[in-house]
Amino acid sequence: MSEHFINDERLGIAIPRLHLDWDEYSEETQQSILLRWEIIRGRIPDRIAEIEGVINKKQDELSDEADFVRSCRLNSEIADLASVINDLWLWYRTNQNISGKMHQ
């Protein structure tokens, strides 16, 4: 099953990596992929909460930071983490319709 997913270090989750069109996979393979995705997808909100915690700490640091260069770096790190959250929500929402196929 690992051939159908690749670990995305930036996002902190495995994401689908399909080499064929969906209909070219056997029904059994499709169900296995969907089951694995549903498990991964279920962990996305926890991953987002984890990143939000890091952002909150960095914002606390930023509020007390007097060094301009360090403030810029913290702002950049916060923006990068916010981008990760955005991408995770996209994966979570975009693939709701795929997850729905499991229940048909």
C-alpha atoms as a PDB file:
ATOM      1  CA  MET A   1       0.000   0.000   0.000  1.00  0.00           C
ATOM      2  CA  SER A   2       2.928   2.344   0.537  1.00  0.00           C
ATOM      3  CA  GLU A   3       3.362   2.588  -3.230  1.00  0.00           C
ATOM      4  CA  HIS A   4       0.102   4.562  -3.325  1.00  0.00           C
ATOM      5  CA  PHE A   5       1.188   7.147  -0.745  1.00  0.00           C
ATOM      6  CA  ILE A   6       4.221   9.308  -0.184  1.00  0.00           C
ATOM      7  CA  ASN A   7       5.239  10.968   3.063  1.00  0.00           C
ATOM      8  CA  ASP A   8       5.115  14.748   2.758  1.00  0.00           C
ATOM      9  CA  GLU A   9       7.523  16.038   5.381  1.00  0.00           C
ATOM     10  CA  ARG A  10       6.280  19.605   5.075  1.00  0.00           C
ATOM     11  CA  LEU A  11       2.697  18.590   5.818  1.00  0.00           C
ATOM     12  CA  GLY A  12       3.609  15.845   8.256  1.00  0.00           C
ATOM     13  CA  ILE A  13       1.256  13.321   6.628  1.00  0.00           C
ATOM     14  CA  ALA A  14       1.314  10.803   3.814  1.00  0.00           C
ATOM     15  CA  ILE A  15      -0.497  11.962   0.690  1.00  0.00           C
ATOM     16  CA  PRO A  16      -1.861   9.906  -2.206  1.00  0.00           C
ATOM     17  CA  ARG A  17       0.477   9.204  -5.097  1.00  0.00           C
ATOM     18  CA  LEU A  18      -1.457   7.315  -7.712  1.00  0.00           C
ATOM     19  CA  HIS A  19       0.314   6.131 -10.843  1.00  0.00           C
ATOM     20  CA  LEU A  20      -2.830   5.049 -12.684  1.00  0.00           C
ATOM     21  CA  ASP A  21      -6.237   6.539 -13.321  1.00  0.00           C
ATOM     22  CA  TRP A  22      -8.576   5.628 -10.475  1.00  0.00           C
ATOM     23  CA  ASP A  23     -10.680   3.298 -12.626  1.00  0.00           C
ATOM     24  CA  GLU A  24      -7.605   1.301 -13.609  1.00  0.00           C
ATOM     25  CA  TYR A  25      -7.180   0.035 -10.043  1.00  0.00           C
ATOM     26  CA  SER A  26      -9.023  -3.079  -8.967  1.00  0.00           C
ATOM     27  CA  GLU A  27     -11.965  -2.579  -6.625  1.00  0.00           C
ATOM     28  CA  GLU A  28      -9.963  -4.238  -3.856  1.00  0.00           C
ATOM     29  CA  THR A  29      -7.041  -1.855  -4.373  1.00  0.00           C
ATOM     30  CA  GLN A  30      -9.404   1.125  -4.486  1.00  0.00           C
ATOM     31  CA  GLN A  31     -10.944   0.082  -1.169  1.00  0.00           C
ATOM     32  CA  SER A  32      -7.495  -0.368   0.394  1.00  0.00           C
ATOM     33  CA  ILE A  33      -6.402   3.069  -0.801  1.00  0.00           C
ATOM     34  CA  LEU A  34      -9.614   4.669   0.457  1.00  0.00           C
ATOM     35  CA  LEU A  35      -9.308   2.987   3.847  1.00  0.00           C
ATOM     36  CA  ARG A  36      -5.728   4.135   4.265  1.00  0.00           C
ATOM     37  CA  TRP A  37      -6.651   7.664   3.135  1.00  0.00           C
ATOM     38  CA  GLU A  38      -9.558   7.802   5.573  1.00  0.00           C
ATOM     39  CA  ILE A  39      -7.173   6.949   8.421  1.00  0.00           C
ATOM     40  CA  ILE A  40      -4.675   9.606   7.303  1.00  0.00           C
ATOM     41  CA  ARG A  41      -7.431  12.148   6.683  1.00  0.00           C
ATOM     42  CA  GLY A  42      -8.788  11.565  10.187  1.00  0.00           C
ATOM     43  CA  ARG A  43      -5.454  12.670  11.628  1.00  0.00           C
ATOM     44  CA  ILE A  44      -5.343  15.970   9.719  1.00  0.00           C
ATOM     45  CA  PRO A  45      -7.298  18.006  12.324  1.00  0.00           C
ATOM     46  CA  ASP A  46      -4.884  16.811  15.030  1.00  0.00           C
ATOM     47  CA  ARG A  47      -1.925  17.786  12.857  1.00  0.00           C
ATOM     48  CA  ILE A  48      -3.478  21.228  12.321  1.00  0.00           C
ATOM     49  CA  ALA A  49      -3.990  21.675  16.067  1.00  0.00           C
ATOM     50  CA  GLU A  50      -0.348  20.724  16.644  1.00  0.00           C
ATOM     51  CA  ILE A  51       0.845  23.348  14.156  1.00  0.00           C
ATOM     52  CA  GLU A  52      -1.506  25.956  15.635  1.00  0.00           C
ATOM     53  CA  GLY A  53       0.180  25.346  18.997  1.00  0.00           C
ATOM     54  CA  VAL A  54       3.577  26.061  17.440  1.00  0.00           C
ATOM     55  CA  ILE A  55       2.196  29.215  15.813  1.00  0.00           C
ATOM     56  CA  ASN A  56       0.821  30.401  19.162  1.00  0.00           C
ATOM     57  CA  LYS A  57       4.220  29.948  20.815  1.00  0.00           C
ATOM     58  CA  LYS A  58       5.922  31.838  18.016  1.00  0.00           C
ATOM     59  CA  GLN A  59       3.351  34.641  18.282  1.00  0.00           C
ATOM     60  CA  ASP A  60       4.057  34.850  22.013  1.00  0.00           C
ATOM     61  CA  GLU A  61       7.764  35.115  21.258  1.00  0.00           C
ATOM     62  CA  LEU A  62       7.050  37.738  18.628  1.00  0.00           C
ATOM     63  CA  SER A  63       5.076  39.921  21.034  1.00  0.00           C
ATOM     64  CA  ASP A  64       8.135  40.158  23.318  1.00  0.00           C
ATOM     65  CA  GLU A  65      10.779  40.375  20.598  1.00  0.00           C
ATOM     66  CA  ALA A  66      12.708  43.639  20.287  1.00  0.00           C
ATOM     67  CA  ASP A  67      15.223  42.463  17.672  1.00  0.00           C
ATOM     68  CA  PHE A  68      13.900  43.407  14.223  1.00  0.00           C
ATOM     69  CA  VAL A  69      15.717  40.623  12.369  1.00  0.00           C
ATOM     70  CA  ARG A  70      14.425  37.974  14.761  1.00  0.00           C
ATOM     71  CA  SER A  71      10.914  39.460  14.478  1.00  0.00           C
ATOM     72  CA  CYS A  72      11.093  39.130  10.701  1.00  0.00           C
ATOM     73  CA  ARG A  73      12.259  35.534  11.016  1.00  0.00           C
ATOM     74  CA  LEU A  74       9.436  34.690  13.426  1.00  0.00           C
ATOM     75  CA  ASN A  75       6.898  36.317  11.090  1.00  0.00           C
ATOM     76  CA  SER A  76       8.246  34.268   8.209  1.00  0.00           C
ATOM     77  CA  GLU A  77       8.075  31.046  10.236  1.00  0.00           C
ATOM     78  CA  ILE A  78       4.493  31.829  11.265  1.00  0.00           C
ATOM     79  CA  ALA A  79       3.545  32.461   7.633  1.00  0.00           C
ATOM     80  CA  ASP A  80       5.134  29.180   6.564  1.00  0.00           C
ATOM     81  CA  LEU A  81       3.240  27.274   9.249  1.00  0.00           C
ATOM     82  CA  ALA A  82      -0.012  29.000   8.296  1.00  0.00           C
ATOM     83  CA  SER A  83       0.608  27.897   4.709  1.00  0.00           C
ATOM     84  CA  VAL A  84       0.993  24.302   5.897  1.00  0.00           C
ATOM     85  CA  ILE A  85      -2.327  24.556   7.749  1.00  0.00           C
ATOM     86  CA  ASN A  86      -3.985  25.911   4.632  1.00  0.00           C
ATOM     87  CA  ASP A  87      -2.631  23.038   2.540  1.00  0.00           C
ATOM     88  CA  LEU A  88      -3.739  20.484   5.132  1.00  0.00           C
ATOM     89  CA  TRP A  89      -7.277  21.875   5.084  1.00  0.00           C
ATOM     90  CA  LEU A  90      -7.225  21.692   1.284  1.00  0.00           C
ATOM     91  CA  TRP A  91      -6.267  18.016   1.447  1.00  0.00           C
ATOM     92  CA  TYR A  92      -8.902  17.403   4.100  1.00  0.00           C
ATOM     93  CA  ARG A  93     -11.732  19.106   2.183  1.00  0.00           C
ATOM     94  CA  THR A  94     -10.748  18.222  -1.364  1.00  0.00           C
ATOM     95  CA  ASN A  95     -10.812  14.551  -0.604  1.00  0.00           C
ATOM     96  CA  GLN A  96     -14.115  14.433   1.283  1.00  0.00           C
ATOM     97  CA  ASN A  97     -15.770  13.256  -1.922  1.00  0.00           C
ATOM     98  CA  ILE A  98     -13.219  10.456  -2.230  1.00  0.00           C
ATOM     99  CA  SER A  99     -13.913   9.387   1.342  1.00  0.00           C
ATOM    100  CA  GLY A 100     -17.608   9.359   0.526  1.00  0.00           C
ATOM    101  CA  LYS A 101     -16.960   6.650  -2.060  1.00  0.00           C
ATOM    102  CA  MET A 102     -16.074   4.269   0.761  1.00  0.00           C
ATOM    103  CA  HIS A 103     -19.639   4.365   1.988  1.00  0.00           C
ATOM    104  CA  GLN A 104     -21.351   3.767  -1.365  1.00  0.00           C
END
